[in-house]
């Protein structure tokens, strides 16, 4: 197979043809006869934070539909969060998920719950799950609020390897909050204050430093959180962090009381928070972009703010949003930075750097995504591959799109000019 007339993300001045051998590896990179190309090839993306909903939530998404959405967004690998019914909290459920995902378009890596049933009372069998290849533990959707359990988990992970991914949301401070505190009173809803995120991160950073266990902070949303993580990294703490596409570009000014479309957890924050999160991503304080792909049927999303479900679809819109974040005033995208936050670093943090986020180079697996850079289109959730259409970017004009995705030399997605 030959992938013709493309620019490699870290050598964009050259137009090349990529040759793929029968083993699915890049066998040669040769000069192309083409004089122009609007196609850039990057390592296929890795999402450290995907909700596939199966088992128990197949009305919103399934492994089959979610992984088709993933490859349509340029992702070769997704880490499946355990907030399913039942929760992925033991070896048997991990093995069951792997069997269900065996023939998926994207590779699926189960994240195990941190506590049994995600109930926050007793740790899962960390040793057994690590022995079966689980690298990430999280009660995402809920905060692991008990500091003694967090400390115990981090001590075990310091010894065994692996990552604790924390959903930072103090129950005592956030309660039943649904919107950023600065707009909640105007909207007539319970506030979800910034300090509810920041106090948990500060506490867990201290515990990570004390134990040596790897803390990964999910969906950072506030300027204060960015500063806590920045200070922790200056001290050499074993801490990494992620931002979502929506927290990079959307603000709480979009939220209205009679519309649940922009309800998400953590909530959209103020403009200064958005700018701080963008700056943190650019300077490396925030390591990666993770989608927090959270599909919901229309019946649970199209409600007043107080009653609507939290969350957005994101796998199919992540690339154009992230490309915009790394675009300079002249309209040039820093594609190596995009590759860093969407492919290289997520693979490293998730422990799959041997198979994903690899360089686009001879001898490497042809696990790549092809980006079209001259393709303005309007986002329409109804046209997405995901089983749900709850995108916060409905009607947004985006300038970059995924043209094709390959996993180990097998083409798993080919785009359509009509699709958006």
Protein backbone atom coordinates (compact mmCIF):
# COMPACT_ATOMS: atom_id res chain seq x y z
CA UNK A 1 0.00 0.00 0.00
CA UNK A 2 1.11 3.56 -0.69
CA UNK A 3 -0.22 6.65 1.07
CA UNK A 4 0.48 9.27 -1.56
CA UNK A 5 1.32 12.96 -1.51
CA UNK A 6 1.36 13.82 2.19
CA UNK A 7 3.36 16.04 4.49
CA UNK A 8 4.78 14.42 7.63
CA UNK A 9 3.81 16.38 10.75
CA UNK A 10 7.41 17.04 11.86
CA UNK A 11 8.80 17.67 8.37
CA UNK A 12 6.06 19.69 6.64
CA UNK A 13 8.32 21.22 4.00
CA UNK A 14 8.51 17.96 2.07
CA UNK A 15 5.79 16.09 0.16
CA UNK A 16 6.27 12.35 0.34
CA UNK A 17 4.72 8.96 -0.37
CA UNK A 18 4.52 6.48 2.51
CA UNK A 19 5.05 2.83 1.58
CA UNK A 20 3.48 0.20 3.83
CA UNK A 21 4.58 -3.44 3.69
CA UNK A 22 2.52 -6.59 4.28
CA UNK A 23 3.37 -6.58 7.98
CA UNK A 24 1.70 -3.17 8.39
CA UNK A 25 4.93 -1.24 8.86
CA UNK A 26 6.32 1.73 7.00
CA UNK A 27 8.88 0.24 4.63
CA UNK A 28 9.95 3.40 2.80
CA UNK A 29 9.34 7.15 2.63
CA UNK A 30 10.01 8.53 -0.83
CA UNK A 31 9.66 11.88 -2.55
CA UNK A 32 6.29 12.48 -4.20
CA UNK A 33 5.64 13.69 -7.72
CA UNK A 34 2.92 15.99 -6.33
CA UNK A 35 3.73 19.69 -6.16
CA UNK A 36 1.12 20.52 -3.52
CA UNK A 37 -0.58 18.73 -0.67
CA UNK A 38 -3.17 19.77 1.88
CA UNK A 39 -2.74 16.50 3.77
CA UNK A 40 -0.65 16.11 6.92
CA UNK A 41 0.09 12.70 8.43
CA UNK A 42 0.43 12.31 12.20
CA UNK A 43 0.69 9.35 14.54
CA UNK A 44 -2.85 8.12 15.18
CA UNK A 45 -4.24 9.56 18.38
CA UNK A 46 -4.65 8.00 21.82
CA UNK A 47 -7.54 8.97 24.09
CA UNK A 48 -6.90 8.37 27.77
CA UNK A 49 -10.50 9.19 28.73
CA UNK A 50 -13.37 7.66 26.73
CA UNK A 51 -16.82 6.58 27.88
CA UNK A 52 -17.94 3.68 25.68
CA UNK A 53 -21.02 3.02 27.88
CA UNK A 54 -20.97 -0.75 27.34
CA UNK A 55 -22.14 -2.64 29.32
CA UNK A 56 -25.30 -1.01 30.58
CA UNK A 57 -25.55 2.17 28.53
CA UNK A 58 -25.85 0.94 24.97
CA UNK A 59 -28.68 3.37 24.22
CA UNK A 60 -26.00 6.08 24.30
CA UNK A 61 -22.98 4.24 22.86
CA UNK A 62 -21.50 0.79 22.41
CA UNK A 63 -18.00 -0.53 21.95
CA UNK A 64 -18.74 -0.95 18.25
CA UNK A 65 -20.18 2.53 17.67
CA UNK A 66 -17.72 4.23 20.02
CA UNK A 67 -14.67 2.76 18.35
CA UNK A 68 -16.03 3.67 14.92
CA UNK A 69 -16.38 7.22 16.22
CA UNK A 70 -12.82 6.99 17.54
CA UNK A 71 -11.20 6.08 14.24
CA UNK A 72 -13.35 8.70 12.49
CA UNK A 73 -11.69 11.18 14.85
CA UNK A 74 -8.20 9.86 14.11
CA UNK A 75 -7.81 7.69 17.24
CA UNK A 76 -6.21 4.25 17.08
CA UNK A 77 -6.44 3.61 20.83
CA UNK A 78 -8.97 4.52 23.50
CA UNK A 79 -8.95 3.93 27.25
CA UNK A 80 -12.43 2.93 28.36
CA UNK A 81 -13.59 4.47 31.63
CA UNK A 82 -15.14 2.00 34.13
CA UNK A 83 -18.37 3.87 34.97
CA UNK A 84 -20.48 1.21 33.27
CA UNK A 85 -23.19 -1.06 34.67
CA UNK A 86 -21.65 -3.04 36.26
CA UNK A 87 -18.45 -1.09 36.87
CA UNK A 88 -15.19 -2.53 35.53
CA UNK A 89 -13.80 -3.34 38.96
CA UNK A 90 -12.26 -6.82 38.74
CA UNK A 91 -10.23 -9.04 36.43
CA UNK A 92 -13.25 -10.91 35.07
CA UNK A 93 -14.90 -7.70 33.90
CA UNK A 94 -11.66 -6.47 32.33
CA UNK A 95 -11.32 -9.73 30.39
CA UNK A 96 -14.96 -9.53 29.34
CA UNK A 97 -14.44 -6.02 27.99
CA UNK A 98 -11.35 -7.07 26.09
CA UNK A 99 -13.23 -9.97 24.50
CA UNK A 100 -16.10 -7.66 23.50
CA UNK A 101 -13.62 -5.24 21.92
CA UNK A 102 -11.56 -7.87 20.11
CA UNK A 103 -12.82 -6.92 16.63
CA UNK A 104 -13.19 -3.18 17.20
CA UNK A 105 -11.86 -0.61 14.74
CA UNK A 106 -9.78 1.05 17.50
CA UNK A 107 -7.85 -0.79 20.20
CA UNK A 108 -9.64 -0.63 23.57
CA UNK A 109 -7.72 -0.52 26.85
CA UNK A 110 -9.87 -1.04 29.95
CA UNK A 111 -9.45 1.37 32.84
CA UNK A 112 -10.25 -0.33 36.13
CA UNK A 113 -12.31 1.31 38.84
CA UNK A 114 -10.25 2.47 41.81
CA UNK A 115 -12.81 1.20 44.31
CA UNK A 116 -15.24 -1.70 44.25
CA UNK A 117 -18.39 -0.63 42.45
CA UNK A 118 -16.91 2.88 42.25
CA UNK A 119 -18.48 3.32 45.68
CA UNK A 120 -15.44 4.94 47.29
CA UNK A 121 -15.27 2.54 50.24
CA UNK A 122 -12.82 -0.28 49.39
CA UNK A 123 -9.98 -0.47 46.89
CA UNK A 124 -10.17 -2.96 44.06
CA UNK A 125 -7.61 -5.78 43.84
CA UNK A 126 -4.92 -3.56 42.39
CA UNK A 127 -2.29 -6.30 42.33
CA UNK A 128 -4.46 -8.74 40.34
CA UNK A 129 -5.55 -6.06 37.87
CA UNK A 130 -1.97 -4.91 37.31
CA UNK A 131 -0.95 -8.51 36.74
CA UNK A 132 -3.55 -8.63 33.97
CA UNK A 133 -2.18 -5.54 32.24
CA UNK A 134 -4.42 -2.79 33.59
CA UNK A 135 -2.38 0.42 33.75
CA UNK A 136 -4.93 3.06 34.77
CA UNK A 137 -7.32 3.13 37.74
CA UNK A 138 -10.12 5.66 38.16
CA UNK A 139 -13.55 6.17 39.68
CA UNK A 140 -14.18 8.86 37.06
CA UNK A 141 -17.65 10.27 37.18
CA UNK A 142 -17.08 10.27 40.92
CA UNK A 143 -14.22 11.62 42.99
CA UNK A 144 -12.26 9.27 45.22
CA UNK A 145 -12.77 11.61 48.17
CA UNK A 146 -11.24 9.50 50.95
CA UNK A 147 -7.58 10.59 51.39
CA UNK A 148 -6.64 7.35 53.14
CA UNK A 149 -7.80 5.32 50.12
CA UNK A 150 -6.01 7.68 47.72
CA UNK A 151 -2.80 7.31 49.72
CA UNK A 152 -3.12 3.51 49.81
CA UNK A 153 -3.76 3.33 46.07
CA UNK A 154 -0.84 5.62 45.23
CA UNK A 155 1.51 3.58 47.47
CA UNK A 156 0.52 0.40 45.67
CA UNK A 157 0.99 2.02 42.25
CA UNK A 158 4.39 3.37 43.27
CA UNK A 159 5.41 -0.24 43.86
CA UNK A 160 3.57 -1.91 40.97
CA UNK A 161 3.55 0.80 38.33
CA UNK A 162 0.39 2.32 36.90
CA UNK A 163 -1.60 5.51 37.17
CA UNK A 164 -4.42 6.83 39.36
CA UNK A 165 -6.65 9.13 37.28
CA UNK A 166 -8.58 11.37 39.65
CA UNK A 167 -11.90 13.10 38.97
CA UNK A 168 -11.24 16.05 41.26
CA UNK A 169 -14.58 17.07 42.75
CA UNK A 170 -14.91 17.50 46.49
CA UNK A 171 -18.34 16.21 47.47
CA UNK A 172 -18.44 18.54 50.46
CA UNK A 173 -17.77 21.62 48.32
CA UNK A 174 -19.48 20.78 45.02
CA UNK A 175 -22.45 18.84 46.36
CA UNK A 176 -25.16 18.73 43.71
CA UNK A 177 -23.64 21.62 41.75
CA UNK A 178 -24.33 21.86 38.02
CA UNK A 179 -22.75 25.15 36.85
CA UNK A 180 -19.71 27.32 37.52
CA UNK A 181 -20.24 29.35 40.68
CA UNK A 182 -19.87 32.73 39.00
CA UNK A 183 -22.96 32.10 36.83
CA UNK A 184 -24.96 29.68 39.00
CA UNK A 185 -26.96 32.29 40.91
CA UNK A 186 -27.99 34.01 37.69
CA UNK A 187 -29.11 30.65 36.31
CA UNK A 188 -30.91 29.67 39.51
CA UNK A 189 -28.97 26.41 39.94
CA UNK A 190 -26.61 24.93 42.55
CA UNK A 191 -23.00 26.12 42.07
CA UNK A 192 -20.05 23.83 41.27
CA UNK A 193 -17.23 26.05 42.59
CA UNK A 194 -13.64 26.09 41.40
CA UNK A 195 -12.27 25.32 44.85
CA UNK A 196 -14.08 21.96 44.78
CA UNK A 197 -11.63 20.93 42.05
CA UNK A 198 -8.56 22.71 43.34
CA UNK A 199 -8.62 21.42 46.93
CA UNK A 200 -8.75 17.79 45.77
CA UNK A 201 -5.86 18.32 43.35
CA UNK A 202 -3.74 20.02 46.02
CA UNK A 203 -4.41 17.20 48.50
CA UNK A 204 -3.67 14.45 45.96
CA UNK A 205 -0.50 16.15 44.74
CA UNK A 206 0.76 16.06 48.34
CA UNK A 207 -0.13 12.37 48.56
CA UNK A 208 1.60 11.61 45.25
CA UNK A 209 4.75 13.36 46.47
CA UNK A 210 4.63 11.45 49.77
CA UNK A 211 4.11 8.02 48.17
CA UNK A 212 5.80 8.29 44.77
CA UNK A 213 2.62 7.06 43.07
CA UNK A 214 1.65 8.51 39.69
CA UNK A 215 -1.31 10.90 39.94
CA UNK A 216 -3.07 11.88 36.72
CA UNK A 217 -5.55 14.76 37.00
CA UNK A 218 -8.57 14.40 34.75
CA UNK A 219 -10.25 17.27 32.87
CA UNK A 220 -8.49 20.28 34.41
CA UNK A 221 -10.82 23.27 34.21
CA UNK A 222 -9.60 26.15 36.38
CA UNK A 223 -6.68 28.59 36.46
CA UNK A 224 -6.03 27.64 40.07
CA UNK A 225 -5.74 23.96 39.15
CA UNK A 226 -3.21 24.79 36.44
CA UNK A 227 -1.06 26.68 38.96
CA UNK A 228 -1.20 23.83 41.50
CA UNK A 229 -0.05 21.37 38.84
CA UNK A 230 2.62 23.77 37.55
CA UNK A 231 4.07 24.16 41.05
CA UNK A 232 3.95 20.39 41.59
CA UNK A 233 5.90 19.77 38.41
CA UNK A 234 8.52 22.35 39.39
CA UNK A 235 9.09 20.23 42.50
CA UNK A 236 9.36 17.05 40.43
CA UNK A 237 6.11 15.54 41.71
CA UNK A 238 4.87 12.41 39.87
CA UNK A 239 1.87 14.24 38.44
CA UNK A 240 0.40 14.51 34.94
CA UNK A 241 -2.77 16.19 33.76
CA UNK A 242 -5.24 16.42 30.90
CA UNK A 243 -7.52 19.05 29.39
CA UNK A 244 -10.60 18.40 27.30
CA UNK A 245 -11.34 20.12 23.98
CA UNK A 246 -14.39 21.87 25.45
CA UNK A 247 -12.48 23.30 28.42
CA UNK A 248 -9.96 24.72 25.95
CA UNK A 249 -12.43 26.83 23.96
CA UNK A 250 -15.90 27.09 25.57
CA UNK A 251 -16.89 29.32 28.50
CA UNK A 252 -19.68 29.43 31.05
CA UNK A 253 -21.22 32.35 29.14
CA UNK A 254 -22.83 29.73 26.87
CA UNK A 255 -24.80 28.08 29.67
CA UNK A 256 -28.50 28.84 30.08
CA UNK A 257 -31.06 27.62 32.61
CA UNK A 258 -33.51 26.22 30.07
CA UNK A 259 -30.97 24.33 27.95
CA UNK A 260 -28.82 21.36 29.00
CA UNK A 261 -26.64 21.31 25.89
CA UNK A 262 -23.66 22.92 27.66
CA UNK A 263 -23.89 21.00 30.92
CA UNK A 264 -20.68 19.11 31.67
CA UNK A 265 -18.67 17.90 34.65
CA UNK A 266 -16.55 19.79 35.61
CA UNK A 267 -18.59 22.72 34.32
CA UNK A 268 -17.52 25.22 31.70
CA UNK A 269 -15.56 27.95 33.45
CA UNK A 270 -14.88 31.65 32.90
CA UNK A 271 -12.76 33.16 30.09
CA UNK A 272 -9.70 33.60 32.33
CA UNK A 273 -9.84 29.91 33.25
CA UNK A 274 -10.08 28.88 29.60
CA UNK A 275 -7.05 31.02 28.77
CA UNK A 276 -5.10 29.52 31.69
CA UNK A 277 -5.91 25.98 30.57
CA UNK A 278 -4.83 26.79 27.00
CA UNK A 279 -1.60 28.32 28.26
CA UNK A 280 -1.00 25.30 30.49
CA UNK A 281 -1.42 22.95 27.55
CA UNK A 282 0.93 24.95 25.37
CA UNK A 283 3.69 25.18 27.97
CA UNK A 284 3.48 21.51 29.00
CA UNK A 285 1.98 21.99 32.45
CA UNK A 286 -1.00 20.04 31.11
CA UNK A 287 0.41 16.99 29.38
CA UNK A 288 -2.36 15.85 27.08
CA UNK A 289 -5.75 16.42 25.55
CA UNK A 290 -8.28 13.73 26.51
CA UNK A 291 -11.76 13.83 25.04
CA UNK A 292 -13.92 12.76 28.02
CA UNK A 293 -16.24 11.50 25.26
CA UNK A 294 -19.57 11.26 27.13
CA UNK A 295 -22.43 10.32 24.80
CA UNK A 296 -26.06 10.68 25.88
CA UNK A 297 -29.35 10.10 24.05
CA UNK A 298 -31.32 13.25 23.22
CA UNK A 299 -33.98 12.37 25.80
CA UNK A 300 -31.44 12.77 28.62
CA UNK A 301 -29.65 15.79 27.21
CA UNK A 302 -32.42 17.96 25.75
CA UNK A 303 -33.74 19.12 29.11
CA UNK A 304 -33.44 22.19 31.34
CA UNK A 305 -29.98 22.65 32.82
CA UNK A 306 -30.80 21.29 36.28
CA UNK A 307 -32.24 18.04 34.86
CA UNK A 308 -29.98 17.32 31.89
CA UNK A 309 -27.20 14.73 31.84
CA UNK A 310 -23.59 15.89 32.19
CA UNK A 311 -21.26 15.54 29.22
CA UNK A 312 -20.50 15.84 25.53
CA UNK A 313 -19.46 13.66 22.62
CA UNK A 314 -15.92 14.53 21.61
CA UNK A 315 -14.04 11.84 19.69
CA UNK A 316 -15.05 13.16 16.26
CA UNK A 317 -14.45 16.85 17.00
CA UNK A 318 -11.26 16.77 19.09
CA UNK A 319 -8.75 17.17 16.26
CA UNK A 320 -10.08 20.40 14.71
CA UNK A 321 -10.45 22.03 18.14
CA UNK A 322 -6.94 21.10 19.25
CA UNK A 323 -5.50 22.22 15.90
CA UNK A 324 -7.11 25.63 16.44
CA UNK A 325 -5.53 25.87 19.90
CA UNK A 326 -2.08 25.29 18.39
CA UNK A 327 -2.60 27.64 15.45
CA UNK A 328 -0.54 30.85 15.36
CA UNK A 329 -1.61 34.29 14.16
CA UNK A 330 -0.54 33.43 10.62
CA UNK A 331 -2.77 30.34 10.58
CA UNK A 332 0.09 27.83 10.86
CA UNK A 333 -0.60 24.83 13.10
CA UNK A 334 2.14 23.46 15.36
CA UNK A 335 1.54 19.87 14.28
CA UNK A 336 4.36 18.41 16.43
CA UNK A 337 2.59 19.91 19.47
CA UNK A 338 -0.70 18.35 18.36
CA UNK A 339 1.07 14.99 18.03
CA UNK A 340 2.62 15.43 21.47
CA UNK A 341 -0.65 16.06 23.33
CA UNK A 342 -2.86 13.69 21.32
CA UNK A 343 -0.53 10.78 20.53
CA UNK A 344 2.92 10.62 22.12
CA UNK A 345 2.22 11.66 25.72
CA UNK A 346 -1.14 9.87 26.10
CA UNK A 347 0.52 6.65 24.94
CA UNK A 348 3.34 7.14 27.44
CA UNK A 349 1.04 7.91 30.37
CA UNK A 350 -1.23 4.98 29.49
CA UNK A 351 1.68 2.57 29.23
CA UNK A 352 1.20 1.69 25.55
CA UNK A 353 4.08 3.63 24.00
CA UNK A 354 5.34 0.41 22.41
CA UNK A 355 2.31 0.20 20.09
CA UNK A 356 0.85 3.70 19.87
CA UNK A 357 2.04 7.26 19.46
CA UNK A 358 5.03 6.02 17.48
CA UNK A 359 7.08 8.18 15.10
CA UNK A 360 6.11 8.34 11.43
CA UNK A 361 9.34 6.69 10.29
CA UNK A 362 10.63 3.68 8.38
CA UNK A 363 10.28 0.51 10.42
CA UNK A 364 7.47 1.88 12.58
CA UNK A 365 3.88 0.58 12.53
CA UNK A 366 1.66 2.37 10.01
CA UNK A 367 -0.68 3.52 12.77
CA UNK A 368 -1.35 6.99 11.47
CA UNK A 369 -4.05 9.52 10.81
CA UNK A 370 -4.29 11.76 7.76
CA UNK A 371 -5.48 15.32 8.34
CA UNK A 372 -6.96 17.55 5.64
CA UNK A 373 -5.99 21.18 6.22
CA UNK A 374 -8.11 22.90 3.55
CA UNK A 375 -11.53 21.64 4.55
CA UNK A 376 -13.89 24.07 6.27
CA UNK A 377 -17.10 22.38 7.35
CA UNK A 378 -19.92 22.85 9.81
CA UNK A 379 -20.21 20.46 12.76
CA UNK A 380 -23.47 18.50 12.70
CA UNK A 381 -23.88 16.01 15.52
CA UNK A 382 -26.57 14.13 13.63
CA UNK A 383 -24.00 13.18 10.98
CA UNK A 384 -21.48 11.81 13.44
CA UNK A 385 -20.69 8.13 13.69
CA UNK A 386 -21.32 8.07 17.44
CA UNK A 387 -24.66 6.68 18.54
CA UNK A 388 -25.30 10.02 20.30
CA UNK A 389 -25.29 13.56 18.91
CA UNK A 390 -24.71 15.71 22.03
CA UNK A 391 -21.81 17.78 20.72
CA UNK A 392 -21.26 21.24 22.22
CA UNK A 393 -19.80 22.32 18.87
CA UNK A 394 -23.04 22.08 16.88
CA UNK A 395 -22.97 24.63 13.99
CA UNK A 396 -19.32 25.52 14.62
CA UNK A 397 -17.22 25.95 11.48
CA UNK A 398 -13.99 23.94 11.73
CA UNK A 399 -11.04 24.13 9.37
CA UNK A 400 -9.37 20.73 9.82
CA UNK A 401 -10.73 17.23 9.42
CA UNK A 402 -9.64 13.60 9.62
CA UNK A 403 -9.32 12.16 6.12
CA UNK A 404 -8.29 8.61 7.01
CA UNK A 405 -6.99 6.45 9.84
CA UNK A 406 -4.83 3.32 9.73
CA UNK A 407 -4.02 0.87 12.53
CA UNK A 408 -1.02 -1.38 11.87
CA UNK A 409 -1.34 -0.77 8.15
CA UNK A 410 -5.06 -1.53 7.99
CA UNK A 411 -7.27 1.34 6.94
CA UNK A 412 -10.03 1.58 9.53
CA UNK A 413 -11.56 4.88 8.43
CA UNK A 414 -11.89 6.82 5.21
CA UNK A 415 -13.60 10.20 5.37
CA UNK A 416 -16.28 11.72 3.21
CA UNK A 417 -16.34 15.30 2.01
CA UNK A 418 -20.03 15.39 2.88
CA UNK A 419 -19.53 14.15 6.43
CA UNK A 420 -19.17 16.68 9.26
